C-alpha cells in the first residue's frame, strides 16, 4: 500500500474521522475509539477541529475551556497546543465556537494547510500512541489541516441513502491531499453507522461492499440510544454502558482498526 513516513523513533499514529456530511457519527466515533484505546492502555490525544465543539462538550464542561485549538492555530507565531487532561491516558485539545472564524482569519497565512501538523509535531507526536482528530462537516481548511497531518482517515456513513456521490467528493479531496501535501495519507476504512436490520440498510451495505470491497469495515455501528446518552454524562460509551450495543460495536471497531493498521505496517 502506501510507503511509511515513520522512523524508528516513537511517533503517534494519527487518525482523522472525516465526512463533509453532518450527522453521520464522526464525533461519536472519535470519542468512542479514543476512549476505548485509552482503556486498553494506549496514550491518546483527541483533537476537536469542529467549531460546534461536540467532541469537547461530550467529554468535558465547556466552561473549563480557557484556550482552544483556535488560539493555537491563529497565534501570530507557532502557538502552544492547549492540552487538557480528561482521564488516565486520555487528553483533549478542545474547540470553541471561535473556530468558525479560523478559515477567514487564516486565509492569507502562508502554509496555512500545515498549521496543525506543525503543532502536533512540536507538542504531541512523541508523547502519545494515538491522536484522533474529529473533523468538521466540510472539506474546508480545518479538514484540509487534519488530512495533511494524518496517517489514516475513517469515513463514517449512515446506512440510509446510497452515498456514492458523497464518497466520490471526499475521495477526490483526500487524493488531492495525498498527491500534493501528505503522501503518507490513506483511507483506513468506511464505517457504516446508525445501522438497522432493514432491507434498505442491507441493500446499501451490499452496494457499498460490491462497489468498494474490503475498504468497508466489517464492523457496523448499530443504531443505539446509549450512544446519544453517553455525552450527556461527559463519558465514553464503554464507561457509560459497557454492555450496550454501542459499546460492543465500537470495541469491535477498535479491534478491526488495530488489525488493519498492523496489517498495513507489515506490508510496509
Protein backbone atom coordinates (compact mmCIF):
# COMPACT_ATOMS: atom_id res chain seq x y z
CA UNK A 1 0.00 0.00 0.00
CA UNK A 2 1.44 3.39 0.99
CA UNK A 3 5.05 3.92 1.91
CA UNK A 4 5.67 4.56 5.58
CA UNK A 5 6.56 8.06 6.73
CA UNK A 6 7.53 6.78 10.18
CA UNK A 7 11.06 6.46 11.51
CA UNK A 8 12.49 4.27 14.21
CA UNK A 9 11.66 6.80 16.94
CA UNK A 10 8.32 6.72 18.71
CA UNK A 11 5.66 8.51 16.70
CA UNK A 12 1.95 8.72 17.30
CA UNK A 13 -0.43 7.17 14.79
CA UNK A 14 -2.79 9.92 13.65
CA UNK A 15 -6.35 9.00 12.67
CA UNK A 16 -8.86 11.54 11.36
CA UNK A 17 -12.60 10.91 11.34
CA UNK A 18 -13.98 12.84 8.38
CA UNK A 19 -17.01 13.28 6.17
CA UNK A 20 -18.33 16.52 4.69
CA UNK A 21 -21.86 15.40 5.56
CA UNK A 22 -23.04 16.07 9.10
CA UNK A 23 -24.91 13.70 11.38
CA UNK A 24 -23.05 10.57 10.33
CA UNK A 25 -21.37 9.79 13.66
CA UNK A 26 -17.96 11.45 13.31
CA UNK A 27 -17.85 12.78 16.86
CA UNK A 28 -19.27 9.60 18.39
CA UNK A 29 -16.68 7.58 16.51
CA UNK A 30 -13.76 9.82 17.51
CA UNK A 31 -14.82 9.82 21.17
CA UNK A 32 -15.53 6.09 21.30
CA UNK A 33 -12.35 4.99 19.53
CA UNK A 34 -10.24 7.35 21.64
CA UNK A 35 -11.71 6.33 25.00
CA UNK A 36 -11.55 2.62 24.17
CA UNK A 37 -7.89 2.85 23.11
CA UNK A 38 -7.13 4.67 26.37
CA UNK A 39 -8.95 1.97 28.36
CA UNK A 40 -6.62 -0.56 26.72
CA UNK A 41 -3.51 1.19 27.98
CA UNK A 42 -2.74 3.40 24.98
CA UNK A 43 -1.95 7.08 25.43
CA UNK A 44 -4.45 9.05 23.36
CA UNK A 45 -4.89 12.68 22.37
CA UNK A 46 -8.25 13.76 20.97
CA UNK A 47 -8.30 16.88 18.77
CA UNK A 48 -11.58 18.72 18.19
CA UNK A 49 -11.47 20.59 14.87
CA UNK A 50 -15.20 21.27 14.64
CA UNK A 51 -16.49 24.72 15.65
CA UNK A 52 -19.61 23.05 17.02
CA UNK A 53 -17.28 21.59 19.68
CA UNK A 54 -19.40 18.47 20.11
CA UNK A 55 -16.40 16.30 20.94
CA UNK A 56 -15.28 18.79 23.58
CA UNK A 57 -18.74 19.13 25.11
CA UNK A 58 -19.24 15.36 25.17
CA UNK A 59 -16.17 14.80 27.35
CA UNK A 60 -15.58 17.95 29.44
CA UNK A 61 -17.50 21.00 30.70
CA UNK A 62 -17.31 23.77 28.10
CA UNK A 63 -16.74 26.35 30.85
CA UNK A 64 -13.44 24.64 31.72
CA UNK A 65 -12.01 25.53 28.32
CA UNK A 66 -9.71 28.55 28.63
CA UNK A 67 -7.67 28.11 25.44
CA UNK A 68 -8.65 26.06 22.40
CA UNK A 69 -7.32 24.81 19.10
CA UNK A 70 -8.44 28.14 17.63
CA UNK A 71 -5.95 30.02 19.79
CA UNK A 72 -3.10 27.75 18.74
CA UNK A 73 -3.92 27.90 15.02
CA UNK A 74 -4.32 31.68 14.90
CA UNK A 75 -1.37 32.66 17.09
CA UNK A 76 0.98 35.09 15.35
CA UNK A 77 3.89 32.73 15.81
CA UNK A 78 3.83 28.98 16.42
CA UNK A 79 1.15 28.67 19.08
CA UNK A 80 1.15 26.33 22.05
CA UNK A 81 -1.17 23.36 21.74
CA UNK A 82 -3.72 23.58 24.60
CA UNK A 83 -3.93 20.07 26.00
CA UNK A 84 -6.43 19.23 28.75
CA UNK A 85 -6.29 16.04 30.80
CA UNK A 86 -9.51 14.01 30.78
CA UNK A 87 -8.57 10.73 32.45
CA UNK A 88 -5.70 8.32 32.75
CA UNK A 89 -4.00 8.12 29.31
CA UNK A 90 -6.64 10.36 27.66
CA UNK A 91 -6.19 14.07 26.80
CA UNK A 92 -8.01 16.51 24.54
CA UNK A 93 -7.32 19.64 22.53
CA UNK A 94 -10.73 21.34 22.74
CA UNK A 95 -12.63 23.53 20.31
CA UNK A 96 -14.90 26.52 20.78
CA UNK A 97 -17.28 28.39 18.52
CA UNK A 98 -14.44 30.81 17.71
CA UNK A 99 -13.06 28.13 15.41
CA UNK A 100 -15.76 29.11 12.90
CA UNK A 101 -13.71 32.27 12.24
CA UNK A 102 -10.47 30.42 11.55
CA UNK A 103 -10.92 29.81 7.82
CA UNK A 104 -11.32 33.54 7.19
CA UNK A 105 -8.63 34.67 9.60
CA UNK A 106 -6.08 32.22 8.17
CA UNK A 107 -6.90 32.90 4.52
CA UNK A 108 -3.71 34.91 3.94
CA UNK A 109 -1.39 32.88 6.19
CA UNK A 110 1.46 31.16 4.39
CA UNK A 111 1.35 27.33 4.52
CA UNK A 112 -1.95 27.51 6.41
CA UNK A 113 -2.77 23.91 5.48
CA UNK A 114 0.17 22.63 7.57
CA UNK A 115 -0.52 24.55 10.79
CA UNK A 116 -1.99 21.59 12.65
CA UNK A 117 0.79 19.27 11.53
CA UNK A 118 3.38 21.71 12.85
CA UNK A 119 1.57 22.00 16.19
CA UNK A 120 1.32 18.24 16.57
CA UNK A 121 4.94 17.72 15.55
CA UNK A 122 6.06 20.21 18.19
CA UNK A 123 3.87 19.18 21.11
CA UNK A 124 2.31 15.76 20.67
CA UNK A 125 3.76 13.31 18.16
CA UNK A 126 6.31 11.81 20.56
CA UNK A 127 4.00 11.90 23.61
CA UNK A 128 1.06 9.73 22.50
CA UNK A 129 0.38 6.38 20.90
CA UNK A 130 -2.67 7.67 19.01
CA UNK A 131 -4.00 11.08 18.02
CA UNK A 132 -7.66 11.07 16.98
CA UNK A 133 -8.96 14.12 15.07
CA UNK A 134 -12.67 14.93 14.85
CA UNK A 135 -13.21 16.91 11.62
CA UNK A 136 -16.00 19.39 10.84
CA UNK A 137 -18.74 18.51 8.32
CA UNK A 138 -17.00 20.26 5.43
CA UNK A 139 -13.98 19.97 3.18
CA UNK A 140 -12.64 23.37 4.23
CA UNK A 141 -9.40 24.48 5.84
CA UNK A 142 -9.84 22.54 9.10
CA UNK A 143 -10.41 19.23 7.31
CA UNK A 144 -7.52 20.08 5.00
CA UNK A 145 -5.29 20.61 8.04
CA UNK A 146 -6.42 17.30 9.51
CA UNK A 147 -5.79 15.41 6.25
CA UNK A 148 -2.35 16.99 5.92
CA UNK A 149 -1.42 15.88 9.45
CA UNK A 150 -2.95 12.40 9.46
CA UNK A 151 -1.86 8.86 8.66
CA UNK A 152 -5.31 7.31 8.27
CA UNK A 153 -8.84 8.53 7.62
CA UNK A 154 -12.03 6.82 8.79
CA UNK A 155 -15.14 7.87 6.85
CA UNK A 156 -18.43 7.23 8.71
CA UNK A 157 -21.57 6.83 6.60
CA UNK A 158 -25.16 6.47 7.70
CA UNK A 159 -26.71 3.39 6.12
CA UNK A 160 -29.79 5.21 4.88
CA UNK A 161 -29.20 6.67 1.44
CA UNK A 162 -26.81 5.47 -1.25
CA UNK A 163 -23.75 7.64 -0.59
CA UNK A 164 -21.64 7.08 -3.70
CA UNK A 165 -21.72 10.73 -4.86
CA UNK A 166 -20.58 12.00 -1.48
CA UNK A 167 -17.88 9.35 -1.28
CA UNK A 168 -16.53 10.46 -4.65
CA UNK A 169 -16.18 14.02 -3.35
CA UNK A 170 -14.26 13.13 -0.22
CA UNK A 171 -12.17 10.54 -2.04
CA UNK A 172 -11.14 13.16 -4.62
CA UNK A 173 -10.34 15.59 -1.82
CA UNK A 174 -8.16 13.05 0.01
CA UNK A 175 -6.47 12.02 -3.23
CA UNK A 176 -5.52 15.64 -3.85
CA UNK A 177 -4.11 15.99 -0.33
CA UNK A 178 -2.13 12.78 -0.73
CA UNK A 179 -0.66 13.91 -4.03
CA UNK A 180 0.23 17.47 -3.04
CA UNK A 181 0.66 17.60 0.74
CA UNK A 182 0.75 14.24 2.51
CA UNK A 183 1.98 11.20 0.59
CA UNK A 184 1.56 9.06 3.73
CA UNK A 185 -2.22 9.53 3.81
CA UNK A 186 -4.58 6.59 3.31
CA UNK A 187 -8.22 5.73 3.93
CA UNK A 188 -8.31 3.18 6.72
CA UNK A 189 -11.95 2.29 6.13
CA UNK A 190 -15.53 3.32 5.56
CA UNK A 191 -17.73 2.81 8.61
CA UNK A 192 -21.46 2.15 8.45
CA UNK A 193 -23.22 3.89 11.34
CA UNK A 194 -26.79 4.00 12.72
CA UNK A 195 -27.20 0.60 11.16
CA UNK A 196 -30.59 -1.11 11.33
CA UNK A 197 -31.59 -4.59 10.31
CA UNK A 198 -33.81 -3.47 7.45
CA UNK A 199 -33.88 -4.31 3.78
CA UNK A 200 -32.76 -0.76 2.96
CA UNK A 201 -29.69 -0.94 5.21
CA UNK A 202 -28.77 -4.33 3.79
CA UNK A 203 -29.15 -3.09 0.23
CA UNK A 204 -26.94 -0.09 0.94
CA UNK A 205 -24.33 -2.24 2.64
CA UNK A 206 -24.33 -4.78 -0.18
CA UNK A 207 -23.98 -1.99 -2.74
CA UNK A 208 -21.06 -0.42 -0.87
CA UNK A 209 -19.24 -3.72 -0.48
CA UNK A 210 -19.78 -4.59 -4.14
CA UNK A 211 -18.50 -1.19 -5.26
CA UNK A 212 -15.68 -0.70 -2.75
CA UNK A 213 -14.77 -4.14 -1.43
CA UNK A 214 -12.67 -4.52 1.72
CA UNK A 215 -12.32 -0.78 2.32
CA UNK A 216 -15.70 -1.02 4.09
CA UNK A 217 -15.21 -2.07 7.71
CA UNK A 218 -16.71 -5.43 8.65
CA UNK A 219 -17.92 -3.79 11.86
CA UNK A 220 -21.22 -1.91 11.67
CA UNK A 221 -22.36 0.53 14.36
CA UNK A 222 -25.94 -0.29 15.21
CA UNK A 223 -28.45 2.43 15.96
CA UNK A 224 -28.33 2.68 19.74
CA UNK A 225 -29.76 5.29 22.11
CA UNK A 226 -26.90 4.92 24.60
CA UNK A 227 -24.53 6.47 22.03
CA UNK A 228 -26.56 9.68 22.34
CA UNK A 229 -26.89 9.43 26.12
CA UNK A 230 -23.20 8.97 26.99
CA UNK A 231 -22.13 12.54 26.07
CA UNK A 232 -24.73 13.93 28.46
CA UNK A 233 -22.70 12.34 31.27
CA UNK A 234 -19.35 13.51 29.81
CA UNK A 235 -18.49 9.86 29.36
CA UNK A 236 -17.21 7.45 26.74
CA UNK A 237 -19.64 4.75 25.66
CA UNK A 238 -17.82 1.92 27.46
CA UNK A 239 -17.72 3.78 30.78
CA UNK A 240 -21.35 4.77 30.39
CA UNK A 241 -22.73 1.33 29.50
CA UNK A 242 -20.19 -1.39 28.73
CA UNK A 243 -22.91 -3.90 27.82
CA UNK A 244 -24.74 -1.70 25.31
CA UNK A 245 -24.78 -2.40 21.59
CA UNK A 246 -22.88 0.84 21.09
CA UNK A 247 -20.04 -0.26 23.37
CA UNK A 248 -19.96 -3.74 21.82
CA UNK A 249 -19.82 -2.35 18.29
CA UNK A 250 -17.15 0.25 18.97
CA UNK A 251 -14.96 -2.24 20.81
CA UNK A 252 -15.19 -4.48 17.75
CA UNK A 253 -14.33 -1.50 15.55
CA UNK A 254 -11.21 -0.73 17.59
CA UNK A 255 -10.14 -4.36 17.20
CA UNK A 256 -10.58 -4.04 13.44
CA UNK A 257 -8.75 -0.70 13.31
CA UNK A 258 -5.75 -2.15 15.13
CA UNK A 259 -5.75 -5.22 12.90
CA UNK A 260 -5.83 -3.09 9.75
CA UNK A 261 -3.03 -0.80 10.93
CA UNK A 262 -0.92 -3.80 11.92
CA UNK A 263 -1.51 -5.41 8.53
CA UNK A 264 -0.55 -2.21 6.71
CA UNK A 265 2.62 -1.88 8.79
CA UNK A 266 3.59 -5.45 7.96
CA UNK A 267 3.20 -4.73 4.26
CA UNK A 268 5.33 -1.61 4.62
